[in-house]
C-alpha atoms as a PDB file:
ATOM      1  CA  MET A   1     209.451 249.753 157.094  1.00  0.00           C
ATOM      2  CA  GLY A   2     209.563 252.084 154.069  1.00  0.00           C
ATOM      3  CA  MET A   3     211.121 255.321 152.910  1.00  0.00           C
ATOM      4  CA  SER A   4     210.875 258.161 150.407  1.00  0.00           C
ATOM      5  CA  VAL A   5     213.444 260.936 149.976  1.00  0.00           C
ATOM      6  CA  LEU A   6     212.032 264.378 150.756  1.00  0.00           C
ATOM      7  CA  LYS A   7     213.775 267.022 148.649  1.00  0.00           C
ATOM      8  CA  ARG A   8     213.478 270.794 148.566  1.00  0.00           C
ATOM      9  CA  SER A   9     215.150 273.492 146.498  1.00  0.00           C
ATOM     10  CA  ILE A  10     218.176 275.124 148.121  1.00  0.00           C
ATOM     11  CA  THR A  11     218.755 278.814 147.500  1.00  0.00           C
ATOM     12  CA  ALA A  12     222.248 280.295 147.258  1.00  0.00           C
ATOM     13  CA  ASP A  13     221.962 282.078 150.603  1.00  0.00           C
ATOM     14  CA  GLU A  14     221.182 278.765 152.328  1.00  0.00           C
ATOM     15  CA  LEU A  15     224.483 277.185 151.293  1.00  0.00           C
ATOM     16  CA  ILE A  16     227.210 276.829 153.892  1.00  0.00           C
ATOM     17  CA  THR A  17     230.213 279.057 153.229  1.00  0.00           C
ATOM     18  CA  VAL A  18     233.530 277.695 154.479  1.00  0.00           C
ATOM     19  CA  ALA A  19     236.334 280.225 154.853  1.00  0.00           C
ATOM     20  CA  PRO A  20     239.036 279.775 152.177  1.00  0.00           C
ATOM     21  CA  LEU A  21     242.511 278.653 153.204  1.00  0.00           C
ATOM     22  CA  PRO A  22     245.480 281.032 153.143  1.00  0.00           C
ATOM     23  CA  ARG A  23     247.532 280.743 149.963  1.00  0.00           C
ATOM     24  CA  TRP A  24     250.406 278.927 151.688  1.00  0.00           C
ATOM     25  CA  LYS A  25     248.016 276.258 153.007  1.00  0.00           C
ATOM     26  CA  VAL A  26     246.499 275.806 149.544  1.00  0.00           C
ATOM     27  CA  LEU A  27     249.965 275.224 148.082  1.00  0.00           C
ATOM     28  CA  LEU A  28     250.767 272.778 150.893  1.00  0.00           C
ATOM     29  CA  GLN A  29     247.536 270.851 150.320  1.00  0.00           C
ATOM     30  CA  GLU A  30     248.175 270.672 146.571  1.00  0.00           C
ATOM     31  CA  LYS A  31     251.717 269.358 147.096  1.00  0.00           C
ATOM     32  CA  ALA A  32     250.463 266.770 149.588  1.00  0.00           C
ATOM     33  CA  ALA A  33     247.731 265.634 147.183  1.00  0.00           C
ATOM     34  CA  THR A  34     250.248 265.276 144.355  1.00  0.00           C
ATOM     35  CA  LEU A  35     252.558 263.201 146.555  1.00  0.00           C
ATOM     36  CA  ALA A  36     249.660 261.000 147.685  1.00  0.00           C
ATOM     37  CA  ARG A  37     249.046 260.020 144.057  1.00  0.00           C
ATOM     38  CA  ASN A  38     252.713 259.204 143.406  1.00  0.00           C
ATOM     39  CA  PRO A  39     253.598 255.469 143.746  1.00  0.00           C
ATOM     40  CA  LEU A  40     257.263 256.353 144.355  1.00  0.00           C
ATOM     41  CA  ALA A  41     256.284 258.466 147.352  1.00  0.00           C
ATOM     42  CA  HIS A  42     254.395 255.503 148.828  1.00  0.00           C
ATOM     43  CA  ARG A  43     257.412 253.228 148.328  1.00  0.00           C
ATOM     44  CA  ALA A  44     259.619 255.822 150.003  1.00  0.00           C
ATOM     45  CA  LEU A  45     257.261 255.961 152.987  1.00  0.00           C
ATOM     46  CA  SER A  46     257.337 252.157 153.258  1.00  0.00           C
ATOM     47  CA  ALA A  47     261.140 252.147 153.261  1.00  0.00           C
ATOM     48  CA  LEU A  48     261.284 254.959 155.811  1.00  0.00           C
ATOM     49  CA  LEU A  49     258.928 253.155 158.178  1.00  0.00           C
ATOM     50  CA  LEU A  50     260.705 249.825 157.904  1.00  0.00           C
ATOM     51  CA  LEU A  51     264.235 251.229 158.187  1.00  0.00           C
ATOM     52  CA  GLY A  52     263.558 253.976 160.696  1.00  0.00           C
ATOM     53  CA  ALA A  53     261.568 251.946 163.229  1.00  0.00           C
ATOM     54  CA  PRO A  54     261.490 248.311 162.063  1.00  0.00           C
ATOM     55  CA  GLY A  55     259.034 246.917 164.621  1.00  0.00           C
ATOM     56  CA  ILE A  56     256.574 249.780 164.937  1.00  0.00           C
ATOM     57  CA  GLY A  57     257.020 250.736 161.288  1.00  0.00           C
ATOM     58  CA  ALA A  58     256.195 247.221 160.058  1.00  0.00           C
ATOM     59  CA  TYR A  59     253.128 247.087 162.310  1.00  0.00           C
ATOM     60  CA  ALA A  60     251.906 250.560 161.253  1.00  0.00           C
ATOM     61  CA  HIS A  61     252.420 249.797 157.568  1.00  0.00           C
ATOM     62  CA  TRP A  62     251.522 246.131 157.133  1.00  0.00           C
ATOM     63  CA  ILE A  63     249.181 245.186 159.991  1.00  0.00           C
ATOM     64  CA  GLU A  64     247.033 247.966 161.402  1.00  0.00           C
ATOM     65  CA  PRO A  65     245.836 249.524 158.089  1.00  0.00           C
ATOM     66  CA  THR A  66     243.874 246.327 157.293  1.00  0.00           C
ATOM     67  CA  TRP A  67     243.126 245.150 160.862  1.00  0.00           C
ATOM     68  CA  LEU A  68     239.405 245.844 160.978  1.00  0.00           C
ATOM     69  CA  LYS A  69     237.737 246.642 164.270  1.00  0.00           C
ATOM     70  CA  VAL A  70     233.987 246.208 164.804  1.00  0.00           C
ATOM     71  CA  ARG A  71     233.055 248.941 167.245  1.00  0.00           C
ATOM     72  CA  ARG A  72     229.710 248.638 169.008  1.00  0.00           C
ATOM     73  CA  LEU A  73     227.880 251.597 170.512  1.00  0.00           C
ATOM     74  CA  THR A  74     224.530 251.840 172.283  1.00  0.00           C
ATOM     75  CA  LEU A  75     223.106 255.361 172.160  1.00  0.00           C
ATOM     76  CA  PRO A  76     219.919 256.700 173.785  1.00  0.00           C
ATOM     77  CA  LEU A  77     218.016 259.205 171.634  1.00  0.00           C
ATOM     78  CA  HIS A  78     215.465 261.232 173.543  1.00  0.00           C
ATOM     79  CA  ARG A  79     212.927 261.588 170.707  1.00  0.00           C
ATOM     80  CA  LEU A  80     213.197 258.001 169.486  1.00  0.00           C
ATOM     81  CA  PRO A  81     209.870 256.123 169.390  1.00  0.00           C
ATOM     82  CA  MET A  82     209.768 252.937 171.436  1.00  0.00           C
ATOM     83  CA  GLU A  83     209.163 250.994 168.198  1.00  0.00           C
ATOM     84  CA  PHE A  84     212.785 251.749 167.213  1.00  0.00           C
ATOM     85  CA  ASP A  85     214.304 250.692 170.545  1.00  0.00           C
ATOM     86  CA  GLY A  86     217.069 248.260 169.556  1.00  0.00           C
ATOM     87  CA  PHE A  87     217.216 249.513 165.930  1.00  0.00           C
ATOM     88  CA  ARG A  88     220.730 248.869 164.579  1.00  0.00           C
ATOM     89  CA  ILE A  89     222.705 251.072 162.183  1.00  0.00           C
ATOM     90  CA  VAL A  90     226.029 250.114 160.624  1.00  0.00           C
ATOM     91  CA  HIS A  91     228.232 253.082 159.758  1.00  0.00           C
ATOM     92  CA  LEU A  92     231.118 252.928 157.258  1.00  0.00           C
ATOM     93  CA  SER A  93     233.242 255.777 155.981  1.00  0.00           C
ATOM     94  CA  ASP A  94     236.237 256.605 153.772  1.00  0.00           C
ATOM     95  CA  LEU A  95     236.675 253.538 151.554  1.00  0.00           C
ATOM     96  CA  HIS A  96     239.181 255.389 149.326  1.00  0.00           C
ATOM     97  CA  MET A  97     238.994 253.107 146.316  1.00  0.00           C
ATOM     98  CA  GLY A  98     241.810 253.866 143.904  1.00  0.00           C
ATOM     99  CA  SER A  99     244.416 254.427 146.623  1.00  0.00           C
ATOM    100  CA  THR A 100     246.559 251.570 147.937  1.00  0.00           C
ATOM    101  CA  VAL A 101     243.715 250.063 149.999  1.00  0.00           C
ATOM    102  CA  PRO A 102     243.618 246.359 149.007  1.00  0.00           C
ATOM    103  CA  SER A 103     240.413 245.304 147.252  1.00  0.00           C
ATOM    104  CA  VAL A 104     240.393 242.056 149.232  1.00  0.00           C
ATOM    105  CA  PHE A 105     240.248 244.107 152.447  1.00  0.00           C
ATOM    106  CA  LEU A 106     237.328 246.177 151.159  1.00  0.00           C
ATOM    107  CA  GLN A 107     235.501 242.960 150.232  1.00  0.00           C
ATOM    108  CA  TYR A 108     236.107 241.641 153.752  1.00  0.00           C
ATOM    109  CA  VAL A 109     234.582 244.823 155.181  1.00  0.00           C
ATOM    110  CA  MET A 110     231.431 244.305 153.092  1.00  0.00           C
ATOM    111  CA  GLN A 111     231.186 240.685 154.247  1.00  0.00           C
ATOM    112  CA  THR A 112     231.472 241.889 157.840  1.00  0.00           C
ATOM    113  CA  VAL A 113     228.547 244.273 157.344  1.00  0.00           C
ATOM    114  CA  GLN A 114     226.446 241.493 155.822  1.00  0.00           C
ATOM    115  CA  LYS A 115     227.123 239.250 158.826  1.00  0.00           C
ATOM    116  CA  LEU A 116     226.044 242.007 161.213  1.00  0.00           C
ATOM    117  CA  ALA A 117     222.679 242.157 159.377  1.00  0.00           C
ATOM    118  CA  PRO A 118     221.768 245.707 160.489  1.00  0.00           C
ATOM    119  CA  ASP A 119     218.426 247.440 160.063  1.00  0.00           C
ATOM    120  CA  LEU A 120     220.077 250.349 158.218  1.00  0.00           C
ATOM    121  CA  VAL A 121     223.466 251.042 156.591  1.00  0.00           C
ATOM    122  CA  VAL A 122     224.958 254.528 156.281  1.00  0.00           C
ATOM    123  CA  LEU A 123     228.085 255.509 154.328  1.00  0.00           C
ATOM    124  CA  THR A 124     229.706 258.884 154.974  1.00  0.00           C
ATOM    125  CA  GLY A 125     231.764 259.618 151.894  1.00  0.00           C
ATOM    126  CA  ASP A 126     235.191 259.419 150.275  1.00  0.00           C
ATOM    127  CA  PHE A 127     234.311 256.414 148.158  1.00  0.00           C
ATOM    128  CA  VAL A 128     237.125 257.156 145.701  1.00  0.00           C
ATOM    129  CA  HIS A 129     240.541 258.719 145.978  1.00  0.00           C
ATOM    130  CA  THR A 130     239.980 261.572 143.440  1.00  0.00           C
ATOM    131  CA  LYS A 131     239.785 260.239 139.871  1.00  0.00           C
ATOM    132  CA  PRO A 132     236.628 259.271 137.898  1.00  0.00           C
ATOM    133  CA  HIS A 133     238.058 255.909 136.769  1.00  0.00           C
ATOM    134  CA  GLU A 134     238.426 254.842 140.407  1.00  0.00           C
ATOM    135  CA  VAL A 135     234.681 254.142 140.616  1.00  0.00           C
ATOM    136  CA  SER A 136     234.987 251.175 138.235  1.00  0.00           C
ATOM    137  CA  GLY A 137     234.669 248.603 141.018  1.00  0.00           C
ATOM    138  CA  LEU A 138     232.464 250.611 143.385  1.00  0.00           C
ATOM    139  CA  THR A 139     229.106 249.274 142.191  1.00  0.00           C
ATOM    140  CA  LEU A 140     230.361 245.693 142.346  1.00  0.00           C
ATOM    141  CA  LEU A 141     231.767 246.234 145.840  1.00  0.00           C
ATOM    142  CA  LEU A 142     228.577 247.713 147.310  1.00  0.00           C
ATOM    143  CA  ARG A 143     225.843 245.889 145.403  1.00  0.00           C
ATOM    144  CA  ASN A 144     225.381 243.183 148.062  1.00  0.00           C
ATOM    145  CA  LEU A 145     224.963 245.690 150.901  1.00  0.00           C
ATOM    146  CA  GLU A 146     221.384 245.296 152.065  1.00  0.00           C
ATOM    147  CA  ALA A 147     219.302 246.394 155.022  1.00  0.00           C
ATOM    148  CA  PRO A 148     215.525 246.356 155.621  1.00  0.00           C
ATOM    149  CA  SER A 149     215.392 250.155 156.003  1.00  0.00           C
ATOM    150  CA  GLY A 150     217.860 250.908 153.216  1.00  0.00           C
ATOM    151  CA  VAL A 151     221.440 251.903 152.476  1.00  0.00           C
ATOM    152  CA  PHE A 152     222.145 255.658 152.467  1.00  0.00           C
ATOM    153  CA  ALA A 153     225.200 257.720 151.612  1.00  0.00           C
ATOM    154  CA  VAL A 154     226.603 261.239 151.518  1.00  0.00           C
ATOM    155  CA  LEU A 155     229.575 262.360 149.448  1.00  0.00           C
ATOM    156  CA  GLY A 156     233.029 263.275 150.756  1.00  0.00           C
ATOM    157  CA  ASN A 157     235.632 265.773 149.624  1.00  0.00           C
ATOM    158  CA  HIS A 158     237.499 263.135 147.571  1.00  0.00           C
ATOM    159  CA  ASP A 159     234.264 262.362 145.723  1.00  0.00           C
ATOM    160  CA  TYR A 160     234.416 265.989 144.576  1.00  0.00           C
ATOM    161  CA  ALA A 161     238.203 265.817 144.021  1.00  0.00           C
ATOM    162  CA  ALA A 162     238.442 268.646 146.583  1.00  0.00           C
ATOM    163  CA  ASN A 163     241.617 268.843 148.668  1.00  0.00           C
ATOM    164  CA  TYR A 164     240.550 272.024 150.459  1.00  0.00           C
ATOM    165  CA  PRO A 165     237.461 274.293 150.629  1.00  0.00           C
ATOM    166  CA  GLY A 166     236.515 275.525 147.165  1.00  0.00           C
ATOM    167  CA  ASP A 167     238.902 273.221 145.278  1.00  0.00           C
ATOM    168  CA  ARG A 168     237.066 272.114 142.101  1.00  0.00           C
ATOM    169  CA  ARG A 169     239.745 271.122 139.595  1.00  0.00           C
ATOM    170  CA  LEU A 170     238.023 267.957 138.348  1.00  0.00           C
ATOM    171  CA  LEU A 171     234.413 268.906 137.719  1.00  0.00           C
ATOM    172  CA  GLY A 172     231.925 266.068 137.428  1.00  0.00           C
ATOM    173  CA  VAL A 173     233.702 263.446 139.546  1.00  0.00           C
ATOM    174  CA  GLU A 174     230.765 263.497 141.964  1.00  0.00           C
ATOM    175  CA  ASP A 175     228.288 262.619 139.197  1.00  0.00           C
ATOM    176  CA  VAL A 176     230.283 259.502 138.296  1.00  0.00           C
ATOM    177  CA  VAL A 177     230.400 258.472 141.969  1.00  0.00           C
ATOM    178  CA  ILE A 178     226.660 259.041 142.426  1.00  0.00           C
ATOM    179  CA  THR A 179     225.848 256.938 139.362  1.00  0.00           C
ATOM    180  CA  ALA A 180     227.993 254.069 140.668  1.00  0.00           C
ATOM    181  CA  LEU A 181     226.353 254.266 144.105  1.00  0.00           C
ATOM    182  CA  GLU A 182     222.825 254.328 142.711  1.00  0.00           C
ATOM    183  CA  ARG A 183     223.564 251.330 140.483  1.00  0.00           C
ATOM    184  CA  ALA A 184     224.496 249.463 143.679  1.00  0.00           C
ATOM    185  CA  GLY A 185     221.125 250.343 145.226  1.00  0.00           C
ATOM    186  CA  VAL A 186     222.518 253.068 147.509  1.00  0.00           C
ATOM    187  CA  THR A 187     220.408 256.195 148.067  1.00  0.00           C
ATOM    188  CA  VAL A 188     222.568 259.325 147.966  1.00  0.00           C
ATOM    189  CA  LEU A 189     221.351 262.162 150.195  1.00  0.00           C
ATOM    190  CA  ARG A 190     222.331 265.692 149.183  1.00  0.00           C
ATOM    191  CA  ASN A 191     220.738 268.139 151.613  1.00  0.00           C
ATOM    192  CA  ASP A 192     217.592 266.027 151.879  1.00  0.00           C
ATOM    193  CA  TRP A 193     216.056 263.692 154.377  1.00  0.00           C
ATOM    194  CA  VAL A 194     214.209 260.405 154.584  1.00  0.00           C
ATOM    195  CA  PRO A 195     211.590 259.248 157.111  1.00  0.00           C
ATOM    196  CA  ILE A 196     212.430 255.788 158.415  1.00  0.00           C
ATOM    197  CA  THR A 197     209.129 254.206 159.363  1.00  0.00           C
ATOM    198  CA  ALA A 198     207.773 251.491 161.599  1.00  0.00           C
ATOM    199  CA  GLY A 199     203.999 251.487 161.304  1.00  0.00           C
ATOM    200  CA  ALA A 200     202.857 255.002 162.176  1.00  0.00           C
ATOM    201  CA  HIS A 201     206.154 255.897 163.855  1.00  0.00           C
ATOM    202  CA  ARG A 202     209.148 257.612 162.257  1.00  0.00           C
ATOM    203  CA  PHE A 203     212.580 259.050 162.697  1.00  0.00           C
ATOM    204  CA  ALA A 204     214.566 261.062 160.136  1.00  0.00           C
ATOM    205  CA  ILE A 205     217.845 260.375 158.298  1.00  0.00           C
ATOM    206  CA  MET A 206     219.235 263.664 156.938  1.00  0.00           C
ATOM    207  CA  GLY A 207     222.204 263.848 154.565  1.00  0.00           C
ATOM    208  CA  VAL A 208     224.262 267.045 154.273  1.00  0.00           C
ATOM    209  CA  ASP A 209     226.361 267.397 151.127  1.00  0.00           C
ATOM    210  CA  GLU A 210     230.159 267.694 151.296  1.00  0.00           C
ATOM    211  CA  LEU A 211     231.199 270.761 153.289  1.00  0.00           C
ATOM    212  CA  TRP A 212     234.090 271.752 150.973  1.00  0.00           C
ATOM    213  CA  SER A 213     232.005 271.474 147.799  1.00  0.00           C
ATOM    214  CA  GLY A 214     230.136 274.737 148.268  1.00  0.00           C
ATOM    215  CA  ARG A 215     226.861 272.783 147.991  1.00  0.00           C
ATOM    216  CA  ALA A 216     226.169 271.901 151.624  1.00  0.00           C
ATOM    217  CA  SER A 217     223.111 273.165 153.479  1.00  0.00           C
ATOM    218  CA  VAL A 218     221.523 272.344 156.830  1.00  0.00           C
ATOM    219  CA  THR A 219     218.320 274.355 156.305  1.00  0.00           C
ATOM    220  CA  PRO A 220     216.321 271.258 155.170  1.00  0.00           C
ATOM    221  CA  LEU A 221     216.407 270.174 158.827  1.00  0.00           C
ATOM    222  CA  GLN A 222     213.780 272.864 159.381  1.00  0.00           C
ATOM    223  CA  THR A 223     211.306 270.772 157.379  1.00  0.00           C
ATOM    224  CA  VAL A 224     211.688 267.725 159.643  1.00  0.00           C
ATOM    225  CA  PRO A 225     208.800 267.522 162.137  1.00  0.00           C
ATOM    226  CA  THR A 226     209.977 268.581 165.587  1.00  0.00           C
ATOM    227  CA  SER A 227     208.736 265.321 167.114  1.00  0.00           C
ATOM    228  CA  TYR A 228     211.094 263.240 164.934  1.00  0.00           C
ATOM    229  CA  SER A 229     214.410 261.990 166.200  1.00  0.00           C
ATOM    230  CA  ARG A 230     217.075 263.125 163.690  1.00  0.00           C
ATOM    231  CA  VAL A 231     220.169 261.234 162.555  1.00  0.00           C
ATOM    232  CA  VAL A 232     222.349 263.510 160.405  1.00  0.00           C
ATOM    233  CA  LEU A 233     225.039 262.279 158.000  1.00  0.00           C
ATOM    234  CA  CYS A 234     227.883 264.478 156.774  1.00  0.00           C
ATOM    235  CA  HIS A 235     231.391 263.553 155.708  1.00  0.00           C
ATOM    236  CA  ASN A 236     233.167 266.409 157.479  1.00  0.00           C
ATOM    237  CA  PRO A 237     232.553 266.778 161.251  1.00  0.00           C
ATOM    238  CA  ASP A 238     233.127 270.540 160.997  1.00  0.00           C
ATOM    239  CA  VAL A 239     229.460 270.674 159.916  1.00  0.00           C
ATOM    240  CA  PHE A 240     228.732 270.524 163.658  1.00  0.00           C
ATOM    241  CA  SER A 241     229.396 274.262 164.014  1.00  0.00           C
ATOM    242  CA  PHE A 242     226.733 274.998 161.363  1.00  0.00           C
ATOM    243  CA  LEU A 243     223.994 272.885 162.969  1.00  0.00           C
ATOM    244  CA  PRO A 244     221.587 274.783 165.242  1.00  0.00           C
ATOM    245  CA  ALA A 245     221.527 273.640 168.859  1.00  0.00           C
ATOM    246  CA  GLN A 246     219.123 270.766 169.506  1.00  0.00           C
ATOM    247  CA  SER A 247     218.499 270.341 165.764  1.00  0.00           C
ATOM    248  CA  PHE A 248     219.802 266.757 165.715  1.00  0.00           C
ATOM    249  CA  ASP A 249     220.089 263.744 167.985  1.00  0.00           C
ATOM    250  CA  LEU A 250     222.982 261.927 166.334  1.00  0.00           C
ATOM    251  CA  LEU A 251     225.577 263.239 163.868  1.00  0.00           C
ATOM    252  CA  LEU A 252     227.633 260.627 161.974  1.00  0.00           C
ATOM    253  CA  CYS A 253     230.795 261.700 160.132  1.00  0.00           C
ATOM    254  CA  GLY A 254     234.124 260.478 158.785  1.00  0.00           C
ATOM    255  CA  HIS A 255     236.904 262.419 157.011  1.00  0.00           C
ATOM    256  CA  THR A 256     239.563 262.426 159.759  1.00  0.00           C
ATOM    257  CA  HIS A 257     240.650 258.746 159.618  1.00  0.00           C
ATOM    258  CA  GLY A 258     241.139 259.206 163.359  1.00  0.00           C
ATOM    259  CA  GLY A 259     244.304 261.096 162.472  1.00  0.00           C
ATOM    260  CA  GLN A 260     245.724 257.772 161.199  1.00  0.00           C
ATOM    261  CA  VAL A 261     248.731 258.107 163.516  1.00  0.00           C
ATOM    262  CA  ARG A 262     248.648 259.035 167.180  1.00  0.00           C
ATOM    263  CA  LEU A 263     250.338 258.234 170.478  1.00  0.00           C
ATOM    264  CA  PRO A 264     247.687 257.333 173.090  1.00  0.00           C
ATOM    265  CA  PRO A 265     246.336 258.905 175.186  1.00  0.00           C
ATOM    266  CA  PHE A 266     247.047 262.026 173.149  1.00  0.00           C
ATOM    267  CA  PRO A 267     244.964 263.132 170.164  1.00  0.00           C
ATOM    268  CA  PRO A 268     246.604 263.080 166.722  1.00  0.00           C
ATOM    269  CA  LEU A 269     248.670 265.997 165.474  1.00  0.00           C
ATOM    270  CA  LEU A 270     246.758 266.107 162.167  1.00  0.00           C
ATOM    271  CA  THR A 271     242.954 266.004 162.185  1.00  0.00           C
ATOM    272  CA  ALA A 272     241.876 267.559 158.834  1.00  0.00           C
ATOM    273  CA  THR A 273     239.241 269.505 160.786  1.00  0.00           C
ATOM    274  CA  THR A 274     238.925 273.029 162.128  1.00  0.00           C
ATOM    275  CA  ASN A 275     237.422 271.704 165.361  1.00  0.00           C
ATOM    276  CA  ARG A 276     240.266 269.567 166.718  1.00  0.00           C
ATOM    277  CA  ARG A 277     238.016 267.973 169.362  1.00  0.00           C
ATOM    278  CA  LEU A 278     236.190 266.120 166.593  1.00  0.00           C
ATOM    279  CA  TRP A 279     239.156 264.043 165.421  1.00  0.00           C
ATOM    280  CA  GLY A 280     237.453 260.705 166.083  1.00  0.00           C
ATOM    281  CA  GLY A 281     235.155 258.753 168.354  1.00  0.00           C
ATOM    282  CA  LEU A 282     232.044 259.657 170.312  1.00  0.00           C
ATOM    283  CA  THR A 283     231.323 262.949 172.045  1.00  0.00           C
ATOM    284  CA  ALA A 284     228.190 264.180 173.825  1.00  0.00           C
ATOM    285  CA  HIS A 285     226.814 267.675 173.266  1.00  0.00           C
ATOM    286  CA  GLY A 286     223.878 268.235 175.581  1.00  0.00           C
ATOM    287  CA  ARG A 287     221.281 265.647 174.558  1.00  0.00           C
ATOM    288  CA  SER A 288     222.933 265.098 171.183  1.00  0.00           C
ATOM    289  CA  TRP A 289     225.737 262.780 170.083  1.00  0.00           C
ATOM    290  CA  VAL A 290     228.510 263.246 167.523  1.00  0.00           C
ATOM    291  CA  PHE A 291     230.381 260.210 166.241  1.00  0.00           C
ATOM    292  CA  VAL A 292     233.396 260.532 163.928  1.00  0.00           C
ATOM    293  CA  SER A 293     234.529 257.275 162.344  1.00  0.00           C
ATOM    294  CA  ARG A 294     238.197 256.393 161.815  1.00  0.00           C
ATOM    295  CA  GLY A 295     237.085 255.101 158.435  1.00  0.00           C
ATOM    296  CA  ILE A 296     238.149 252.097 156.402  1.00  0.00           C
ATOM    297  CA  GLY A 297     240.752 253.327 153.914  1.00  0.00           C
ATOM    298  CA  TYR A 298     243.606 255.769 154.026  1.00  0.00           C
ATOM    299  CA  THR A 299     245.532 258.306 151.989  1.00  0.00           C
ATOM    300  CA  TRP A 300     248.920 256.884 152.996  1.00  0.00           C
ATOM    301  CA  ARG A 301     249.312 253.269 154.082  1.00  0.00           C
ATOM    302  CA  VAL A 302     250.131 253.909 157.727  1.00  0.00           C
ATOM    303  CA  ARG A 303     247.938 253.628 160.806  1.00  0.00           C
ATOM    304  CA  LEU A 304     249.019 253.640 164.432  1.00  0.00           C
ATOM    305  CA  ALA A 305     246.508 253.477 167.300  1.00  0.00           C
ATOM    306  CA  SER A 306     243.785 254.234 164.764  1.00  0.00           C
ATOM    307  CA  ARG A 307     242.490 250.943 163.389  1.00  0.00           C
ATOM    308  CA  PRO A 308     239.964 250.997 160.527  1.00  0.00           C
ATOM    309  CA  GLU A 309     236.487 250.452 161.892  1.00  0.00           C
ATOM    310  CA  CYS A 310     233.034 249.176 161.046  1.00  0.00           C
ATOM    311  CA  VAL A 311     230.648 250.730 163.555  1.00  0.00           C
ATOM    312  CA  GLU A 312     227.434 249.116 164.764  1.00  0.00           C
ATOM    313  CA  ILE A 313     225.141 251.565 166.569  1.00  0.00           C
ATOM    314  CA  THR A 314     222.154 250.329 168.556  1.00  0.00           C
ATOM    315  CA  LEU A 315     219.559 253.029 169.172  1.00  0.00           C
ATOM    316  CA  LYS A 316     217.712 253.067 172.476  1.00  0.00           C
ATOM    317  CA  LYS A 317     214.681 254.975 173.642  1.00  0.00           C
ATOM    318  CA  SER A 318     215.954 257.520 176.184  1.00  0.00           C
END
């Protein structure tokens, strides 16, 4: 199996425009981002959880955030060639290096992927928490990720230091992240696609750039042959509303962390998405699938009924 990235120029009118937030929401997002970078705020949260609800609080703070789940899915894709029946993809998202996610946990996640020995690895953004120096260990962490058909990534809003649509206060963070990923042997897709081949047969991996960056576009999907099965990567699941009907077979996203805290069977109160149905997990849309990962890392060290997950997807000929 081989691959080559197929790029095309994107014009300004092909870029996705996300509606700006009201001023009060911008201020709220900026305050929340400032708190998330404050060690004292994290200590206060720890104390609140442990004193307010000792049993549940201790579990949500100390156990679940690093209790990795390997989720296995088998998905039929109607355009998939028989040669790819049984093809396995491992999907990771939201590592959040530079937050309070323990490095030993991130190393364990990488070891888990290696043991699964997939055909392809995809990473759907938020590699760092927001600062350029947080990439210092990223190349070392990812350099042993290998798969016969490659390791591919798209960027997330934290890789652009964007806390809301149009937020670009730290220009150039994404370039530092991309350099670290490429040094680890990861191919970064920014509105381009790659044919994954088996002999004369192919399917397409398409990467859409971060939705809040102002650089995302789905028009390159028009250049993918109609006979190809299409797996689309994008950090933010809200990209779903910008994808033409029947233009993809499988959409893989992250961003939401599964809400981080929820009370089953109810969805979380906070989803970080406009489309609240896409807070996490698998949904069917006609003959297409959308999967939103709960991710690996977190902004605040608390998870309840939303364990971090490494997802193994087995593709089947429909």
